[in-house]
């Protein structure tokens, strides 16, 4: 099993605390780590494009990086209960 990055660990902690039913179901199906790694991979693959997008809108590198990470965390880590 691959080791989670800090991003994946953040997702695991959030999902476990705030989405326990989803987490348990993924774990029962043997898909929890697969989904965590997928969240990590998607976020990393979208990061450069997101930063470039915000830089083109006139944000500083730091602002663009912060904004991109915030959006990606909301999209892949801080999931909301449905």
C-alpha atoms as a PDB file:
ATOM      1  CA  UNK A   1       0.000   0.000   0.000  1.00  0.00           C
ATOM      2  CA  UNK A   2       1.348   3.422  -0.976  1.00  0.00           C
ATOM      3  CA  UNK A   3       1.992   5.926   1.790  1.00  0.00           C
ATOM      4  CA  UNK A   4      -0.298   8.941   1.810  1.00  0.00           C
ATOM      5  CA  UNK A   5       1.061  12.418   1.255  1.00  0.00           C
ATOM      6  CA  UNK A   6       0.115  15.154   3.726  1.00  0.00           C
ATOM      7  CA  UNK A   7      -2.747  15.989   1.344  1.00  0.00           C
ATOM      8  CA  UNK A   8      -4.056  12.405   1.540  1.00  0.00           C
ATOM      9  CA  UNK A   9      -3.646  12.318   5.303  1.00  0.00           C
ATOM     10  CA  UNK A  10      -5.629  15.552   5.583  1.00  0.00           C
ATOM     11  CA  UNK A  11      -8.375  13.974   3.469  1.00  0.00           C
ATOM     12  CA  UNK A  12      -8.385  10.802   5.571  1.00  0.00           C
ATOM     13  CA  UNK A  13      -8.712  12.787   8.803  1.00  0.00           C
ATOM     14  CA  UNK A  14     -11.518  14.939   7.416  1.00  0.00           C
ATOM     15  CA  UNK A  15     -13.420  12.042   5.847  1.00  0.00           C
ATOM     16  CA  UNK A  16     -13.112   9.933   9.011  1.00  0.00           C
ATOM     17  CA  UNK A  17     -14.408  12.689  11.288  1.00  0.00           C
ATOM     18  CA  UNK A  18     -17.055  14.316   9.118  1.00  0.00           C
ATOM     19  CA  UNK A  19     -18.003  11.577   6.649  1.00  0.00           C
ATOM     20  CA  UNK A  20     -17.775   8.425   8.764  1.00  0.00           C
ATOM     21  CA  UNK A  21     -20.403   6.482   6.811  1.00  0.00           C
ATOM     22  CA  UNK A  22     -18.691   7.155   3.489  1.00  0.00           C
ATOM     23  CA  UNK A  23     -15.306   6.290   4.995  1.00  0.00           C
ATOM     24  CA  UNK A  24     -16.583   3.029   6.493  1.00  0.00           C
ATOM     25  CA  UNK A  25     -18.261   2.041   3.230  1.00  0.00           C
ATOM     26  CA  UNK A  26     -15.086   2.711   1.234  1.00  0.00           C
ATOM     27  CA  UNK A  27     -13.082   0.769   3.789  1.00  0.00           C
ATOM     28  CA  UNK A  28     -15.505  -2.173   3.702  1.00  0.00           C
ATOM     29  CA  UNK A  29     -15.229  -2.252  -0.094  1.00  0.00           C
ATOM     30  CA  UNK A  30     -11.439  -2.044   0.081  1.00  0.00           C
ATOM     31  CA  UNK A  31     -11.449   1.269  -1.792  1.00  0.00           C
ATOM     32  CA  UNK A  32     -10.557   3.825   0.896  1.00  0.00           C
ATOM     33  CA  UNK A  33      -6.859   4.127   0.080  1.00  0.00           C
ATOM     34  CA  UNK A  34      -7.606   3.981  -3.635  1.00  0.00           C
ATOM     35  CA  UNK A  35      -9.940   6.965  -3.291  1.00  0.00           C
ATOM     36  CA  UNK A  36      -7.463   8.867  -1.108  1.00  0.00           C
ATOM     37  CA  UNK A  37      -4.685   8.346  -3.653  1.00  0.00           C
ATOM     38  CA  UNK A  38      -7.036   9.375  -6.440  1.00  0.00           C
ATOM     39  CA  UNK A  39      -7.841  12.604  -4.583  1.00  0.00           C
ATOM     40  CA  UNK A  40      -4.114  13.248  -4.174  1.00  0.00           C
ATOM     41  CA  UNK A  41      -3.383  12.582  -7.840  1.00  0.00           C
ATOM     42  CA  UNK A  42      -6.208  14.745  -9.130  1.00  0.00           C
ATOM     43  CA  UNK A  43      -5.237  17.659  -6.915  1.00  0.00           C
ATOM     44  CA  UNK A  44      -1.587  17.474  -7.957  1.00  0.00           C
ATOM     45  CA  UNK A  45      -2.452  17.145 -11.641  1.00  0.00           C
ATOM     46  CA  UNK A  46      -4.738  20.200 -11.496  1.00  0.00           C
ATOM     47  CA  UNK A  47      -2.454  22.356  -9.367  1.00  0.00           C
ATOM     48  CA  UNK A  48      -0.233  23.816 -12.104  1.00  0.00           C
ATOM     49  CA  UNK A  49      -3.161  24.703 -14.372  1.00  0.00           C
ATOM     50  CA  UNK A  50      -5.010  26.312 -11.477  1.00  0.00           C
ATOM     51  CA  UNK A  51      -1.990  28.364 -10.434  1.00  0.00           C
ATOM     52  CA  UNK A  52      -1.400  29.450 -14.028  1.00  0.00           C
ATOM     53  CA  UNK A  53      -5.070  30.449 -14.324  1.00  0.00           C
ATOM     54  CA  UNK A  54      -4.879  32.671 -11.248  1.00  0.00           C
ATOM     55  CA  UNK A  55      -1.533  34.151 -12.300  1.00  0.00           C
ATOM     56  CA  UNK A  56      -3.128  35.109 -15.623  1.00  0.00           C
ATOM     57  CA  UNK A  57      -5.827  36.905 -13.630  1.00  0.00           C
ATOM     58  CA  UNK A  58      -3.118  39.069 -12.053  1.00  0.00           C
ATOM     59  CA  UNK A  59      -2.577  37.347  -8.706  1.00  0.00           C
ATOM     60  CA  UNK A  60       0.910  37.132  -7.232  1.00  0.00           C
ATOM     61  CA  UNK A  61       2.548  33.682  -7.205  1.00  0.00           C
ATOM     62  CA  UNK A  62       1.764  33.295  -3.496  1.00  0.00           C
ATOM     63  CA  UNK A  63      -1.856  34.396  -3.930  1.00  0.00           C
ATOM     64  CA  UNK A  64      -2.306  32.099  -6.940  1.00  0.00           C
ATOM     65  CA  UNK A  65      -0.829  29.132  -5.060  1.00  0.00           C
ATOM     66  CA  UNK A  66      -2.985  29.767  -1.993  1.00  0.00           C
ATOM     67  CA  UNK A  67      -6.156  30.173  -4.038  1.00  0.00           C
ATOM     68  CA  UNK A  68      -5.461  27.047  -6.104  1.00  0.00           C
ATOM     69  CA  UNK A  69      -4.788  24.900  -3.021  1.00  0.00           C
ATOM     70  CA  UNK A  70      -7.912  26.210  -1.302  1.00  0.00           C
ATOM     71  CA  UNK A  71     -10.089  25.282  -4.272  1.00  0.00           C
ATOM     72  CA  UNK A  72      -8.463  21.873  -4.720  1.00  0.00           C
ATOM     73  CA  UNK A  73      -8.794  21.083  -1.027  1.00  0.00           C
ATOM     74  CA  UNK A  74     -12.486  21.933  -1.152  1.00  0.00           C
ATOM     75  CA  UNK A  75     -12.893  19.810  -4.275  1.00  0.00           C
ATOM     76  CA  UNK A  76     -10.960  16.727  -3.120  1.00  0.00           C
ATOM     77  CA  UNK A  77     -10.360  16.865   0.648  1.00  0.00           C
ATOM     78  CA  UNK A  78     -13.033  18.800   2.485  1.00  0.00           C
ATOM     79  CA  UNK A  79     -15.960  16.953   0.965  1.00  0.00           C
ATOM     80  CA  UNK A  80     -19.388  17.823   2.235  1.00  0.00           C
ATOM     81  CA  UNK A  81     -21.959  15.293   3.383  1.00  0.00           C
ATOM     82  CA  UNK A  82     -24.703  14.701   0.862  1.00  0.00           C
END
